[in-house]
Every structure is written in C-alpha cells, then in structure tokens.
Protein backbone atom coordinates (compact mmCIF):
# COMPACT_ATOMS: atom_id res chain seq x y z
CA MET A 1 109.68 87.06 105.85
CA ASP A 2 108.88 90.33 104.14
CA GLU A 3 105.54 90.57 102.41
CA ILE A 4 105.53 91.38 98.69
CA SER A 5 104.00 94.86 98.36
CA SER A 6 104.55 95.60 94.67
CA VAL A 7 104.72 93.52 91.50
CA PHE A 8 106.32 94.44 88.19
CA ILE A 9 104.96 92.57 85.20
CA ASP A 10 106.48 92.24 81.75
CA ARG A 11 104.06 92.68 78.83
CA ASP A 12 104.87 90.62 75.73
CA GLY A 13 104.63 86.91 76.47
CA THR A 14 103.68 87.45 80.12
CA ILE A 15 100.39 89.37 80.02
CA GLY A 16 99.55 88.24 76.49
CA GLY A 17 100.90 87.89 73.00
CA THR A 18 103.68 85.67 71.81
CA GLY A 19 106.74 87.44 73.15
CA HIS A 20 107.00 89.45 69.92
CA PHE A 21 105.89 93.07 69.51
CA ILE A 22 102.15 93.63 69.05
CA HIS A 23 100.87 97.20 68.85
CA PRO A 24 98.64 98.08 71.83
CA ARG A 25 95.58 98.46 69.57
CA ASP A 26 96.01 94.81 68.49
CA PHE A 27 97.26 93.33 71.78
CA SER A 28 95.06 90.91 73.73
CA PRO A 29 95.84 89.67 77.20
CA PHE A 30 95.73 85.94 77.89
CA PRO A 31 92.27 84.84 79.16
CA PHE A 32 93.58 84.60 82.75
CA SER A 33 95.63 87.82 82.83
CA LEU A 34 92.91 90.28 83.85
CA GLU A 35 91.88 87.93 86.67
CA ALA A 36 95.51 87.80 87.80
CA LEU A 37 95.80 91.59 87.83
CA SER A 38 92.51 91.91 89.69
CA THR A 39 93.69 89.40 92.29
CA LEU A 40 96.78 91.49 92.99
CA LYS A 41 94.69 94.67 93.29
CA LYS A 42 92.27 92.95 95.71
CA SER A 43 95.30 91.91 97.77
CA ASN A 44 96.39 95.57 98.02
CA ILE A 45 99.52 94.91 95.99
CA LYS A 46 100.65 97.71 93.67
CA ILE A 47 101.04 96.56 90.07
CA PHE A 48 103.42 98.11 87.58
CA ALA A 49 104.09 97.31 83.94
CA LEU A 50 107.79 96.79 83.18
CA THR A 51 108.60 96.49 79.51
CA ASN A 52 111.20 97.03 76.82
CA GLN A 53 109.50 98.48 73.73
CA HIS A 54 112.21 99.46 71.26
CA ARG A 55 109.61 99.81 68.50
CA ILE A 56 108.74 103.17 70.06
CA SER A 57 112.16 104.47 68.99
CA ARG A 58 111.39 103.22 65.48
CA GLY A 59 108.11 105.15 65.36
CA GLU A 60 105.91 102.04 65.28
CA ALA A 61 104.02 103.02 68.46
CA THR A 62 104.15 105.74 71.10
CA GLN A 63 104.77 105.55 74.81
CA GLN A 64 101.28 106.98 75.27
CA ASP A 65 99.82 104.01 73.35
CA PHE A 66 101.35 101.74 75.99
CA PHE A 67 100.45 103.95 78.96
CA ASP A 68 96.82 103.96 77.81
CA GLU A 69 96.83 100.17 77.40
CA PHE A 70 98.30 99.59 80.86
CA ALA A 71 95.84 102.00 82.46
CA LEU A 72 92.99 100.09 80.79
CA PHE A 73 94.33 96.86 82.31
CA GLY A 74 94.36 98.46 85.79
CA PHE A 75 98.08 99.01 86.35
CA ASP A 76 99.07 101.61 88.92
CA ASP A 77 101.84 102.87 86.62
CA ALA A 78 103.96 101.73 83.70
CA PHE A 79 107.71 101.83 83.20
CA ILE A 80 108.67 101.54 79.56
CA CYS A 81 112.07 101.56 77.88
CA PRO A 82 111.60 102.94 74.35
CA HIS A 83 115.24 102.33 73.34
CA SER A 84 116.97 99.55 71.42
CA SER A 85 119.17 97.09 73.30
CA THR A 86 122.24 98.74 71.74
CA SER A 87 121.39 102.32 72.76
CA GLY A 88 123.41 102.21 75.96
CA CYS A 89 120.54 103.51 78.08
CA GLU A 90 120.14 102.53 81.72
CA CYS A 91 116.47 101.59 81.38
CA HIS A 92 116.61 98.66 78.94
CA LYS A 93 116.19 95.42 80.87
CA PRO A 94 118.33 93.67 82.11
CA LYS A 95 119.63 96.99 83.41
CA PRO A 96 117.64 97.99 86.50
CA GLY A 97 116.94 101.62 85.52
CA LEU A 98 113.17 101.21 85.18
CA LEU A 99 112.94 99.50 88.57
CA LEU A 100 115.04 102.22 90.20
CA GLU A 101 112.87 104.90 88.59
CA ALA A 102 109.73 103.21 89.92
CA ALA A 103 111.23 102.89 93.40
CA ALA A 104 112.07 106.59 93.50
CA LYS A 105 108.72 107.70 92.06
CA HIS A 106 106.55 105.49 94.29
CA ARG A 107 108.84 105.19 97.35
CA LEU A 108 109.17 101.42 96.96
CA ASP A 109 111.45 99.02 98.76
CA LEU A 110 112.49 96.79 95.87
CA THR A 111 113.42 93.98 98.27
CA LYS A 112 109.67 93.76 98.89
CA ALA A 113 108.91 93.70 95.16
CA CYS A 114 108.53 90.88 92.69
CA VAL A 115 109.19 90.84 88.95
CA ILE A 116 107.16 88.48 86.76
CA GLY A 117 108.40 87.88 83.25
CA ASP A 118 109.07 85.33 80.54
CA VAL A 119 112.72 86.11 79.79
CA GLY A 120 115.46 85.15 82.19
CA SER A 121 118.17 87.20 80.52
CA THR A 122 116.18 90.43 80.88
CA ASP A 123 113.36 90.17 83.45
CA MET A 124 115.10 87.89 85.95
CA LEU A 125 118.45 89.69 85.70
CA ALA A 126 116.83 93.11 86.24
CA ALA A 127 114.99 91.79 89.31
CA HIS A 128 118.16 90.19 90.65
CA ALA A 129 120.09 93.46 90.27
CA VAL A 130 117.80 95.21 92.77
CA GLY A 131 117.13 92.33 95.16
CA ALA A 132 113.52 91.77 94.05
CA ARG A 133 111.90 88.35 93.96
CA LYS A 134 111.79 86.70 90.56
CA ILE A 135 109.05 84.65 88.93
CA LEU A 136 109.60 83.24 85.46
CA VAL A 137 106.44 82.34 83.56
CA LEU A 138 106.53 79.62 80.89
CA THR A 139 104.30 81.54 78.46
CA GLY A 140 105.86 83.63 75.67
CA TRP A 141 109.62 83.01 75.67
CA GLY A 142 109.50 81.25 79.05
CA GLN A 143 110.02 77.68 77.83
CA ASN A 144 113.00 78.70 75.69
CA SER A 145 114.34 80.91 78.46
CA ILE A 146 114.36 78.14 81.06
CA HIS A 147 115.74 75.51 78.68
CA ASP A 148 117.56 76.69 75.53
CA TYR A 149 118.80 80.03 76.91
CA ARG A 150 119.34 79.18 80.58
CA HIS A 151 123.09 79.66 80.07
CA THR A 152 122.49 83.40 79.47
CA TRP A 153 121.32 83.85 83.06
CA GLU A 154 122.74 80.75 84.75
CA ASP A 155 123.96 82.60 87.86
CA VAL A 156 120.44 83.71 88.79
CA LYS A 157 117.77 81.40 90.16
CA PRO A 158 114.10 82.34 89.95
CA ASP A 159 112.19 82.21 93.22
CA TYR A 160 109.42 80.42 91.37
CA VAL A 161 108.68 79.11 87.88
CA ALA A 162 104.98 79.39 86.99
CA GLU A 163 102.97 78.05 84.08
CA ASN A 164 101.46 81.50 83.57
CA LEU A 165 100.69 84.87 85.13
CA LEU A 166 97.73 83.59 87.13
CA GLU A 167 99.81 80.84 88.76
CA ALA A 168 102.54 83.40 89.49
CA VAL A 169 100.03 85.68 91.19
CA GLN A 170 98.65 82.79 93.24
CA TRP A 171 102.20 82.05 94.44
CA ILE A 172 102.54 85.69 95.55
CA VAL A 173 99.21 85.65 97.39
CA ASP A 174 100.13 82.36 99.08
CA TYR A 175 103.60 83.72 99.94
CA ASN A 176 102.07 86.80 101.58
CA ASN A 177 99.58 84.68 103.51
CA SER A 178 102.16 82.19 104.82
C-alpha cells in the first residue's frame, strides 16, 4: 500500500466558506481547517491548493490574491484555474490540467496523492483522471454532491467520505500509519 505523500485541497466549501466565491480578503477557514493543514505538515505531507476561480477572469480578484491567501494558510503551492467552465482550458476541474502541472513542477507521483474536495463532479473526477485517491467532504456542496448530484459522477467512487477537512486529514494520517 503506497503512502500518501501529497494532498490537494479545494478551497470554497472545503477549507471554508459556503462553496460560493468569497474574495480572499473576506474568506475565513472553518475553525478546524488550520489544524487539519498543520496536521498534514507535521506528517511531512506536501499540501497544495487546487481550485477553480473563474472570478479572476472577470476581474473580481487576482491570482496573487489567492496565492497570498494560500501561503498564509501554509500551503506548499497553489494551483488555480482562473478561467470559466466554458473557456475550453485544460486546467478547469474536472479536467486534470492543474494536477498534471503540479506533478511536473514538484515531481509528484499522483498515484500517491489525494484530492480533498466538496464537489464530486469536479474534485473527484479530476482526482480519478490521474489515479489519485479521492476524499469527498460533506461541507460546502458536499451534501448535495453526494445526494442530489451523485448522477453527475456516478462512475467514480470516493475512497472516503468525511464530515469535514479535519476528518479527511485524520483518514489520511491513519491510512499512512496502517
């Protein structure tokens, strides 16, 4: 069993917020999120932000706003799609472009990675495309994703469904220690 060496974490609805766009200056992580990130760091697991932020293309925020936010939270790097879902880019989840970019930049084996997110039709499908492990959290859009929208990603099964980011991280730590 291969140990998980890197974790990609969605922002909106997973780290904090409601699943809707919140500018980085107004964004607050959930009370448990910083503890979760710290736990991964203490376990020598690289942590990367993985997020679609189409509001960048609309001029409502900059990529730098997000990079600064993720650095403040302790991420090793951030991979951000600034495009709309209709742009045809290769980086907008569920396409795996951001994960492939991260793998090339940081020399990662994505089969030893895990993606944590609240949307099955983007986060889980992107993870599945590269052979990464998949954890769906029930915060943000998670409840709707696992129930009302399960048909949009029915061919993909998450490796674990967690109440929140902290429970997801505990599953990873336990997995690595088993």
